[in-house]
Amino acid sequence: MGAWLIHDGDRIDYTPPGDVAAGDVVVVGPDLIGVAVHDIKAGQMGSLRVVGVFDFPKATAPGNTVTAGINVYWNPAQEKVWNNHGGGTNQLLGRAVDARTFSDPTVRVRMKP
């Protein structure tokens, strides 16, 4: 038996244990992060975008400058983007699309496919 195409893969089905609001960043596993397309009630299936370009909140700490094209990382505890893996605490989110200074509160990211 071969593989069967289910869909293009820019979204995945997700059933959250708690309510999720549209736009929330959801860590599904160590290598899978998505953004809620719509509000999702606890225990009900919804959809997460796992591909696309989004503006994400960025930590405004000194040294957290971002240049276009670098890998950026999501810190699930802080719910912010960082320019480093934080010793393994932060998870790869994708690549920065543009440059941001450390004081910028957001960063534009192309999520990793």
C-alpha atoms as a PDB file:
ATOM      1  CA  MET A   1       0.000   0.000   0.000  1.00  0.00           C
ATOM      2  CA  GLY A   2       1.275   3.455  -0.891  1.00  0.00           C
ATOM      3  CA  ALA A   3       0.726   6.876   0.640  1.00  0.00           C
ATOM      4  CA  TRP A   4      -2.545   8.809   0.221  1.00  0.00           C
ATOM      5  CA  LEU A   5      -2.607  12.595  -0.038  1.00  0.00           C
ATOM      6  CA  ILE A   6      -4.842  14.018   2.683  1.00  0.00           C
ATOM      7  CA  HIS A   7      -4.301  17.747   2.020  1.00  0.00           C
ATOM      8  CA  ASP A   8      -1.546  20.211   1.081  1.00  0.00           C
ATOM      9  CA  GLY A   9      -0.215  20.371   4.627  1.00  0.00           C
ATOM     10  CA  ASP A  10      -0.400  24.075   5.414  1.00  0.00           C
ATOM     11  CA  ARG A  11      -2.857  23.202   8.213  1.00  0.00           C
ATOM     12  CA  ILE A  12      -3.211  20.300  10.585  1.00  0.00           C
ATOM     13  CA  ASP A  13      -6.130  19.061  12.660  1.00  0.00           C
ATOM     14  CA  TYR A  14      -5.777  19.727  16.375  1.00  0.00           C
ATOM     15  CA  THR A  15      -7.937  18.910  19.396  1.00  0.00           C
ATOM     16  CA  PRO A  16      -6.815  20.986  22.384  1.00  0.00           C
ATOM     17  CA  PRO A  17      -7.134  19.984  26.035  1.00  0.00           C
ATOM     18  CA  GLY A  18      -8.170  23.589  26.836  1.00  0.00           C
ATOM     19  CA  ASP A  19      -9.716  26.460  24.881  1.00  0.00           C
ATOM     20  CA  VAL A  20      -7.471  28.039  22.237  1.00  0.00           C
ATOM     21  CA  ALA A  21      -8.080  31.511  20.781  1.00  0.00           C
ATOM     22  CA  ALA A  22      -7.573  32.436  17.135  1.00  0.00           C
ATOM     23  CA  GLY A  23      -3.975  33.507  16.669  1.00  0.00           C
ATOM     24  CA  ASP A  24      -2.662  31.543  19.644  1.00  0.00           C
ATOM     25  CA  VAL A  25       0.666  29.805  19.078  1.00  0.00           C
ATOM     26  CA  VAL A  26       0.359  26.112  19.923  1.00  0.00           C
ATOM     27  CA  VAL A  27       3.295  23.792  20.542  1.00  0.00           C
ATOM     28  CA  VAL A  28       2.096  20.377  19.387  1.00  0.00           C
ATOM     29  CA  GLY A  29       5.395  18.577  19.918  1.00  0.00           C
ATOM     30  CA  PRO A  30       9.137  19.172  20.038  1.00  0.00           C
ATOM     31  CA  ASP A  31       9.316  19.892  16.305  1.00  0.00           C
ATOM     32  CA  LEU A  32       5.794  21.073  15.482  1.00  0.00           C
ATOM     33  CA  ILE A  33       4.331  24.522  16.173  1.00  0.00           C
ATOM     34  CA  GLY A  34       1.106  25.923  14.747  1.00  0.00           C
ATOM     35  CA  VAL A  35      -1.074  29.013  14.887  1.00  0.00           C
ATOM     36  CA  ALA A  36      -4.793  28.617  15.613  1.00  0.00           C
ATOM     37  CA  VAL A  37      -6.859  29.635  12.586  1.00  0.00           C
ATOM     38  CA  HIS A  38     -10.062  30.154  14.619  1.00  0.00           C
ATOM     39  CA  ASP A  39     -11.094  29.786  18.256  1.00  0.00           C
ATOM     40  CA  ILE A  40     -11.053  26.106  19.234  1.00  0.00           C
ATOM     41  CA  LYS A  41     -13.049  24.827  22.206  1.00  0.00           C
ATOM     42  CA  ALA A  42     -11.471  22.263  24.523  1.00  0.00           C
ATOM     43  CA  GLY A  43     -11.971  18.748  23.214  1.00  0.00           C
ATOM     44  CA  GLN A  44     -13.208  19.887  19.793  1.00  0.00           C
ATOM     45  CA  MET A  45     -11.187  19.511  16.607  1.00  0.00           C
ATOM     46  CA  GLY A  46      -9.924  22.676  14.998  1.00  0.00           C
ATOM     47  CA  SER A  47      -7.186  23.762  12.649  1.00  0.00           C
ATOM     48  CA  LEU A  48      -3.637  25.031  13.109  1.00  0.00           C
ATOM     49  CA  ARG A  49      -1.596  26.724  10.387  1.00  0.00           C
ATOM     50  CA  VAL A  50       1.874  25.215  10.300  1.00  0.00           C
ATOM     51  CA  VAL A  51       3.116  27.047   7.197  1.00  0.00           C
ATOM     52  CA  GLY A  52       2.965  30.739   6.390  1.00  0.00           C
ATOM     53  CA  VAL A  53       4.365  34.147   7.271  1.00  0.00           C
ATOM     54  CA  PHE A  54       3.173  35.629  10.555  1.00  0.00           C
ATOM     55  CA  ASP A  55       4.054  38.475  12.902  1.00  0.00           C
ATOM     56  CA  PHE A  56       4.962  36.935  16.267  1.00  0.00           C
ATOM     57  CA  PRO A  57       5.634  38.630  19.603  1.00  0.00           C
ATOM     58  CA  LYS A  58       9.378  38.977  20.186  1.00  0.00           C
ATOM     59  CA  ALA A  59      11.291  39.238  23.445  1.00  0.00           C
ATOM     60  CA  THR A  60      12.658  42.768  23.815  1.00  0.00           C
ATOM     61  CA  ALA A  61      15.817  41.780  25.675  1.00  0.00           C
ATOM     62  CA  PRO A  62      19.233  43.266  24.870  1.00  0.00           C
ATOM     63  CA  GLY A  63      21.002  41.034  22.376  1.00  0.00           C
ATOM     64  CA  ASN A  64      17.771  39.721  20.845  1.00  0.00           C
ATOM     65  CA  THR A  65      18.327  41.454  17.503  1.00  0.00           C
ATOM     66  CA  VAL A  66      17.091  39.661  14.419  1.00  0.00           C
ATOM     67  CA  THR A  67      18.492  39.823  10.904  1.00  0.00           C
ATOM     68  CA  ALA A  68      16.576  38.657   7.851  1.00  0.00           C
ATOM     69  CA  GLY A  69      17.086  34.993   7.056  1.00  0.00           C
ATOM     70  CA  ILE A  70      18.239  33.726  10.455  1.00  0.00           C
ATOM     71  CA  ASN A  71      16.527  30.925  12.331  1.00  0.00           C
ATOM     72  CA  VAL A  72      14.310  32.159  15.158  1.00  0.00           C
ATOM     73  CA  TYR A  73      12.950  30.195  18.091  1.00  0.00           C
ATOM     74  CA  TRP A  74       9.724  30.117  20.108  1.00  0.00           C
ATOM     75  CA  ASN A  75       9.871  30.110  23.899  1.00  0.00           C
ATOM     76  CA  PRO A  76       6.613  28.434  25.006  1.00  0.00           C
ATOM     77  CA  ALA A  77       6.865  29.636  28.614  1.00  0.00           C
ATOM     78  CA  GLN A  78       7.343  33.298  27.657  1.00  0.00           C
ATOM     79  CA  GLU A  79       5.308  33.077  24.435  1.00  0.00           C
ATOM     80  CA  LYS A  80       7.987  35.113  22.653  1.00  0.00           C
ATOM     81  CA  VAL A  81      10.453  34.695  19.787  1.00  0.00           C
ATOM     82  CA  TRP A  82      14.190  34.619  20.418  1.00  0.00           C
ATOM     83  CA  ASN A  83      17.187  34.649  18.073  1.00  0.00           C
ATOM     84  CA  ASN A  84      18.696  31.549  19.735  1.00  0.00           C
ATOM     85  CA  HIS A  85      17.683  28.122  20.986  1.00  0.00           C
ATOM     86  CA  GLY A  86      18.113  29.133  24.632  1.00  0.00           C
ATOM     87  CA  GLY A  87      20.130  26.051  25.521  1.00  0.00           C
ATOM     88  CA  GLY A  88      17.355  23.810  24.229  1.00  0.00           C
ATOM     89  CA  THR A  89      14.463  25.608  25.942  1.00  0.00           C
ATOM     90  CA  ASN A  90      13.344  27.367  22.756  1.00  0.00           C
ATOM     91  CA  GLN A  91      11.944  25.503  19.741  1.00  0.00           C
ATOM     92  CA  LEU A  92      12.737  26.267  16.108  1.00  0.00           C
ATOM     93  CA  LEU A  93       9.882  28.339  14.687  1.00  0.00           C
ATOM     94  CA  GLY A  94      11.221  29.335  11.276  1.00  0.00           C
ATOM     95  CA  ARG A  95      13.239  32.088   9.604  1.00  0.00           C
ATOM     96  CA  ALA A  96      12.988  35.816  10.130  1.00  0.00           C
ATOM     97  CA  VAL A  97      11.709  37.620   7.047  1.00  0.00           C
ATOM     98  CA  ASP A  98      13.048  41.039   8.014  1.00  0.00           C
ATOM     99  CA  ALA A  99      15.433  42.675  10.471  1.00  0.00           C
ATOM    100  CA  ARG A 100      14.322  43.823  13.918  1.00  0.00           C
ATOM    101  CA  THR A 101      16.181  45.555  16.742  1.00  0.00           C
ATOM    102  CA  PHE A 102      16.185  44.145  20.251  1.00  0.00           C
ATOM    103  CA  SER A 103      13.522  46.684  21.286  1.00  0.00           C
ATOM    104  CA  ASP A 104      11.025  45.765  18.530  1.00  0.00           C
ATOM    105  CA  PRO A 105       8.034  43.940  20.080  1.00  0.00           C
ATOM    106  CA  THR A 106       7.315  41.746  17.026  1.00  0.00           C
ATOM    107  CA  VAL A 107       9.137  39.892  14.293  1.00  0.00           C
ATOM    108  CA  ARG A 108       7.898  38.604  10.919  1.00  0.00           C
ATOM    109  CA  VAL A 109       8.612  34.899  10.550  1.00  0.00           C
ATOM    110  CA  ARG A 110       8.190  32.363   7.772  1.00  0.00           C
ATOM    111  CA  MET A 111       7.247  29.273   9.715  1.00  0.00           C
ATOM    112  CA  LYS A 112       9.353  26.230   8.928  1.00  0.00           C
ATOM    113  CA  PRO A 113       7.539  23.742   6.718  1.00  0.00           C
END
